[in-house]
Amino acid sequence: MEMILEGQIAVIYGAGGSIGGAVARTFAREGARVFLAGRTAAPLEAVADDIRSHGGEADTAIVDALDEQTVDEFVDSVVEETGRLDISFNLVTYGDVQEPLMEISADDFTHPITTATRTQFLTTRAAARHMVEQESGVILTFGGGGPQTPPDLGGFKVSLDALESLRRQWAVELGPHGIRVVTLKTGGVPESIPDDIPGRDEIIRETEADALLDRTATLSDVGEVAAFVASDRARTITGTPVNISCGALVD
């Protein structure tokens, strides 16, 4: 069976999380060598061990994706070892506090916006420096904006909209170098919601109710679509979100 990412080199930030881990496993199954980055060793190693147990290639690195020097040095080390970088996917969390705008503090409101834009800018730029030289590459982001705006999200929704603007600008500037930039947006992945999150059951019910189909996106769905978008089969797709929300987000 053909592996659609055969021989590709992929960097995944936040790879110890549920979504990052799912993406890493799918990329590796499809033939990519994956470099798993995050701030905590144990979850990264768990994902890497699982990948290796199924015959895949995985390396881990402790990386603060908000630190410019650390990100640049990490990406440079990957390229020095492998000779190239084909895919960069930043899935780190933004530390958002979700409260009504009339009640949230200014610091809590701006924190996810600053965090999201800084980390995505740094990781994309670090990858792009090498992708420009090789005249190819794929940058993936996660979340997605759009007209739907539920209440009481603090700065979280604003951060997603800001990332879409950043994605557009990167796509325009990197397109002439053969580099594609795409957002995956899901409207929520119930499997990824921690068990101890307050109101978890209600969040899942609302996510399921919003979907137009009789299902919601799964972790497997995210991994499969990400692998497709990162592959040459999606070589015409750039500068756009790919909506895998089962209709919860209507474009």
Protein backbone atom coordinates (compact mmCIF):
# COMPACT_ATOMS: atom_id res chain seq x y z
CA MET A 1 0.00 0.00 0.00
CA GLU A 2 1.30 3.45 -0.93
CA MET A 3 2.27 5.70 1.97
CA ILE A 4 1.40 9.27 1.07
CA LEU A 5 4.14 10.85 3.22
CA GLU A 6 6.90 8.41 2.34
CA GLY A 7 10.31 9.94 3.09
CA GLN A 8 8.90 13.23 4.39
CA ILE A 9 10.36 15.03 7.41
CA ALA A 10 7.73 16.48 9.75
CA VAL A 11 7.99 18.63 12.86
CA ILE A 12 5.01 18.62 15.23
CA TYR A 13 4.81 21.01 18.15
CA GLY A 14 2.54 20.02 21.02
CA ALA A 15 2.98 16.41 19.94
CA GLY A 16 2.42 15.10 23.46
CA GLY A 17 -1.20 16.23 23.42
CA SER A 18 -4.09 14.15 22.18
CA ILE A 19 -4.43 15.91 18.82
CA GLY A 20 -0.69 16.28 18.29
CA GLY A 21 -0.17 12.64 19.14
CA ALA A 22 -2.88 11.53 16.74
CA VAL A 23 -1.34 13.58 13.94
CA ALA A 24 2.15 12.26 14.70
CA ARG A 25 0.97 8.65 14.64
CA THR A 26 -0.80 9.10 11.31
CA PHE A 27 2.13 10.94 9.72
CA ALA A 28 4.49 8.16 10.83
CA ARG A 29 2.13 5.44 9.59
CA GLU A 30 2.08 7.21 6.23
CA GLY A 31 5.87 7.08 6.01
CA ALA A 32 7.08 10.36 7.50
CA ARG A 33 9.89 10.65 10.01
CA VAL A 34 8.38 12.74 12.78
CA PHE A 35 10.15 15.05 15.19
CA LEU A 36 7.96 15.52 18.26
CA ALA A 37 8.40 18.78 20.14
CA GLY A 38 6.90 19.87 23.43
CA ARG A 39 7.66 21.11 26.92
CA THR A 40 7.23 17.82 28.80
CA ALA A 41 9.26 14.71 28.05
CA ALA A 42 6.96 11.93 29.28
CA PRO A 43 4.01 12.41 26.88
CA LEU A 44 6.37 12.95 23.94
CA GLU A 45 8.21 9.72 24.71
CA ALA A 46 4.92 7.86 25.06
CA VAL A 47 3.86 8.92 21.56
CA ALA A 48 7.32 8.18 20.16
CA ASP A 49 7.40 4.72 21.74
CA ASP A 50 4.01 3.92 20.25
CA ILE A 51 5.15 5.04 16.81
CA ARG A 52 8.35 2.99 17.03
CA SER A 53 6.44 -0.07 18.20
CA HIS A 54 4.52 0.08 14.91
CA GLY A 55 7.67 0.44 12.81
CA GLY A 56 7.70 4.21 12.45
CA GLU A 57 10.48 6.73 12.96
CA ALA A 58 10.11 9.28 15.77
CA ASP A 59 12.47 11.62 17.61
CA THR A 60 11.63 13.85 20.58
CA ALA A 61 12.86 17.23 21.76
CA ILE A 62 12.01 19.55 24.64
CA VAL A 63 11.10 22.84 22.97
CA ASP A 64 9.45 25.98 24.30
CA ALA A 65 7.63 27.07 21.16
CA LEU A 66 7.43 30.64 22.45
CA ASP A 67 11.20 31.02 22.66
CA GLU A 68 12.70 32.35 19.45
CA GLN A 69 16.23 31.01 19.90
CA THR A 70 15.03 27.58 21.04
CA VAL A 71 12.67 27.19 18.07
CA ASP A 72 15.30 28.29 15.56
CA GLU A 73 17.94 25.98 17.01
CA PHE A 74 15.54 23.04 17.09
CA VAL A 75 14.50 23.42 13.46
CA ASP A 76 18.08 23.99 12.36
CA SER A 77 19.12 20.78 14.14
CA VAL A 78 16.39 18.80 12.39
CA VAL A 79 17.52 20.05 8.98
CA GLU A 80 21.18 19.52 9.84
CA GLU A 81 20.41 15.88 10.65
CA THR A 82 17.97 15.09 7.84
CA GLY A 83 18.88 17.56 5.11
CA ARG A 84 15.36 18.98 4.74
CA LEU A 85 12.03 19.87 6.36
CA ASP A 86 8.79 19.09 4.56
CA ILE A 87 6.00 19.66 7.11
CA SER A 88 5.63 21.91 10.14
CA PHE A 89 2.49 21.66 12.31
CA ASN A 90 2.09 23.73 15.48
CA LEU A 91 -0.52 22.30 17.86
CA VAL A 92 0.48 23.94 21.14
CA THR A 93 -2.22 25.24 23.46
CA TYR A 94 -2.67 28.94 24.13
CA GLY A 95 -3.52 29.05 27.83
CA ASP A 96 -6.84 30.78 27.23
CA VAL A 97 -9.22 31.84 29.98
CA GLN A 98 -12.81 31.69 28.74
CA GLU A 99 -14.98 34.32 30.42
CA PRO A 100 -17.39 37.06 29.28
CA LEU A 101 -15.60 40.12 27.93
CA MET A 102 -17.18 42.33 30.60
CA GLU A 103 -15.68 40.15 33.32
CA ILE A 104 -12.30 39.00 32.01
CA SER A 105 -9.10 40.84 32.90
CA ALA A 106 -7.10 42.57 30.18
CA ASP A 107 -4.16 40.22 30.74
CA ASP A 108 -6.32 37.09 30.52
CA PHE A 109 -7.98 38.44 27.38
CA THR A 110 -4.76 39.23 25.53
CA HIS A 111 -2.77 36.19 26.69
CA PRO A 112 -4.07 33.64 24.12
CA ILE A 113 -3.86 36.21 21.33
CA THR A 114 -0.25 37.01 22.09
CA THR A 115 0.67 33.38 22.70
CA ALA A 116 -1.00 32.06 19.56
CA THR A 117 0.39 34.66 17.19
CA ARG A 118 3.90 34.53 18.66
CA THR A 119 4.31 30.76 18.62
CA GLN A 120 2.80 30.33 15.17
CA PHE A 121 4.93 33.15 13.79
CA LEU A 122 8.14 31.72 15.28
CA THR A 123 7.61 28.12 14.22
CA THR A 124 6.45 29.05 10.73
CA ARG A 125 9.35 31.41 10.15
CA ALA A 126 11.88 28.84 11.38
CA ALA A 127 10.48 26.23 8.99
CA ALA A 128 10.07 28.65 6.10
CA ARG A 129 13.74 29.65 6.14
CA HIS A 130 14.62 26.11 5.12
CA MET A 131 11.58 25.46 2.93
CA VAL A 132 12.36 28.54 0.84
CA GLU A 133 15.78 27.11 0.06
CA GLN A 134 14.34 23.77 -1.03
CA GLU A 135 11.39 25.46 -2.81
CA SER A 136 8.80 23.22 -1.18
CA GLY A 137 7.04 22.55 2.11
CA VAL A 138 3.76 22.57 3.98
CA ILE A 139 2.82 24.66 7.02
CA LEU A 140 -0.27 23.49 8.92
CA THR A 141 -2.14 25.42 11.58
CA PHE A 142 -5.10 24.31 13.68
CA GLY A 143 -8.26 25.97 14.93
CA GLY A 144 -9.70 28.25 12.32
CA GLY A 145 -11.78 31.41 12.54
CA GLY A 146 -15.07 32.23 10.88
CA PRO A 147 -18.33 34.05 11.53
CA GLN A 148 -19.56 31.75 14.30
CA THR A 149 -18.80 33.41 17.63
CA PRO A 150 -20.18 31.78 20.79
CA PRO A 151 -20.26 34.01 23.88
CA ASP A 152 -17.96 33.95 26.89
CA LEU A 153 -14.77 32.82 25.13
CA GLY A 154 -12.57 35.68 26.30
CA GLY A 155 -9.71 36.12 23.84
CA PHE A 156 -9.77 32.56 22.49
CA LYS A 157 -11.92 33.16 19.40
CA VAL A 158 -10.05 36.39 18.70
CA SER A 159 -6.78 34.43 18.77
CA LEU A 160 -8.12 31.97 16.19
CA ASP A 161 -9.22 34.81 13.91
CA ALA A 162 -5.81 36.43 14.28
CA LEU A 163 -4.14 33.18 13.26
CA GLU A 164 -6.26 33.01 10.12
CA SER A 165 -5.05 36.47 9.16
CA LEU A 166 -1.47 35.37 9.84
CA ARG A 167 -2.03 32.22 7.78
CA ARG A 168 -3.23 34.30 4.83
CA GLN A 169 -0.18 36.52 4.95
CA TRP A 170 2.23 33.60 5.20
CA ALA A 171 0.47 31.87 2.29
CA VAL A 172 0.84 34.95 0.08
CA GLU A 173 4.50 35.46 0.92
CA LEU A 174 5.55 31.80 0.79
CA GLY A 175 3.46 30.65 -2.17
CA PRO A 176 5.98 31.83 -4.78
CA HIS A 177 8.51 29.49 -3.13
CA GLY A 178 6.29 26.44 -3.51
CA ILE A 179 5.25 26.44 0.15
CA ARG A 180 1.63 25.74 1.07
CA VAL A 181 -0.05 27.10 4.23
CA VAL A 182 -3.33 25.54 5.37
CA THR A 183 -5.53 25.62 8.47
CA LEU A 184 -7.49 22.62 9.75
CA LYS A 185 -10.65 23.57 11.66
CA THR A 186 -12.85 21.10 13.48
CA GLY A 187 -15.43 22.87 15.62
CA GLY A 188 -14.30 20.67 18.50
CA VAL A 189 -12.97 17.14 18.97
CA PRO A 190 -14.76 15.52 21.96
CA GLU A 191 -12.01 12.91 22.42
CA SER A 192 -9.49 15.68 23.03
CA ILE A 193 -11.39 17.26 25.95
CA PRO A 194 -9.79 16.26 29.27
CA ASP A 195 -12.00 14.38 31.70
CA ASP A 196 -11.47 16.97 34.45
CA ILE A 197 -12.58 20.00 32.41
CA PRO A 198 -15.59 21.64 34.10
CA GLY A 199 -18.73 21.22 32.02
CA ARG A 200 -17.14 18.59 29.78
CA ASP A 201 -20.38 16.69 29.17
CA GLU A 202 -22.23 19.88 28.24
CA ILE A 203 -19.46 20.93 25.87
CA ILE A 204 -19.66 17.56 24.13
CA ARG A 205 -23.44 17.75 23.87
CA GLU A 206 -23.23 21.21 22.32
CA THR A 207 -20.53 20.08 19.88
CA GLU A 208 -22.64 17.12 18.80
CA ALA A 209 -25.75 19.29 18.48
CA ASP A 210 -23.96 21.81 16.27
CA ALA A 211 -22.83 19.18 13.75
CA LEU A 212 -24.92 18.79 10.62
CA LEU A 213 -23.87 15.16 10.31
CA ASP A 214 -24.63 12.44 12.84
CA ARG A 215 -21.07 12.53 14.19
CA THR A 216 -18.28 14.86 15.23
CA ALA A 217 -14.63 14.92 14.23
CA THR A 218 -12.47 12.29 15.89
CA LEU A 219 -8.75 12.29 16.61
CA SER A 220 -8.37 9.80 13.78
CA ASP A 221 -10.21 12.17 11.45
CA VAL A 222 -7.81 14.99 12.29
CA GLY A 223 -4.77 12.80 11.66
CA GLU A 224 -6.08 11.44 8.37
CA VAL A 225 -7.04 14.84 6.96
CA ALA A 226 -3.77 16.40 8.13
CA ALA A 227 -1.80 13.67 6.38
CA PHE A 228 -3.77 14.18 3.18
CA VAL A 229 -3.35 17.97 3.25
CA ALA A 230 0.38 17.60 3.93
CA SER A 231 0.79 15.19 1.03
CA ASP A 232 1.29 15.88 -2.66
CA ARG A 233 -2.27 14.70 -3.25
CA ALA A 234 -3.34 18.10 -1.90
CA ARG A 235 -0.70 20.05 -3.82
CA THR A 236 -3.29 22.56 -5.12
CA ILE A 237 -4.53 23.52 -1.65
CA THR A 238 -3.06 26.58 0.06
CA GLY A 239 -4.12 29.83 1.67
CA THR A 240 -7.35 28.33 3.00
CA PRO A 241 -8.93 26.49 5.91
CA VAL A 242 -9.96 22.87 5.46
CA ASN A 243 -13.22 22.40 7.32
CA ILE A 244 -13.58 19.02 9.04
CA SER A 245 -16.22 20.11 11.53
CA CYS A 246 -18.97 17.80 10.23
CA GLY A 247 -20.93 20.94 9.45
CA ALA A 248 -20.64 22.53 12.89
CA LEU A 249 -18.82 25.44 11.25
CA VAL A 250 -20.68 26.58 8.14
CA ASP A 251 -18.49 28.54 5.71
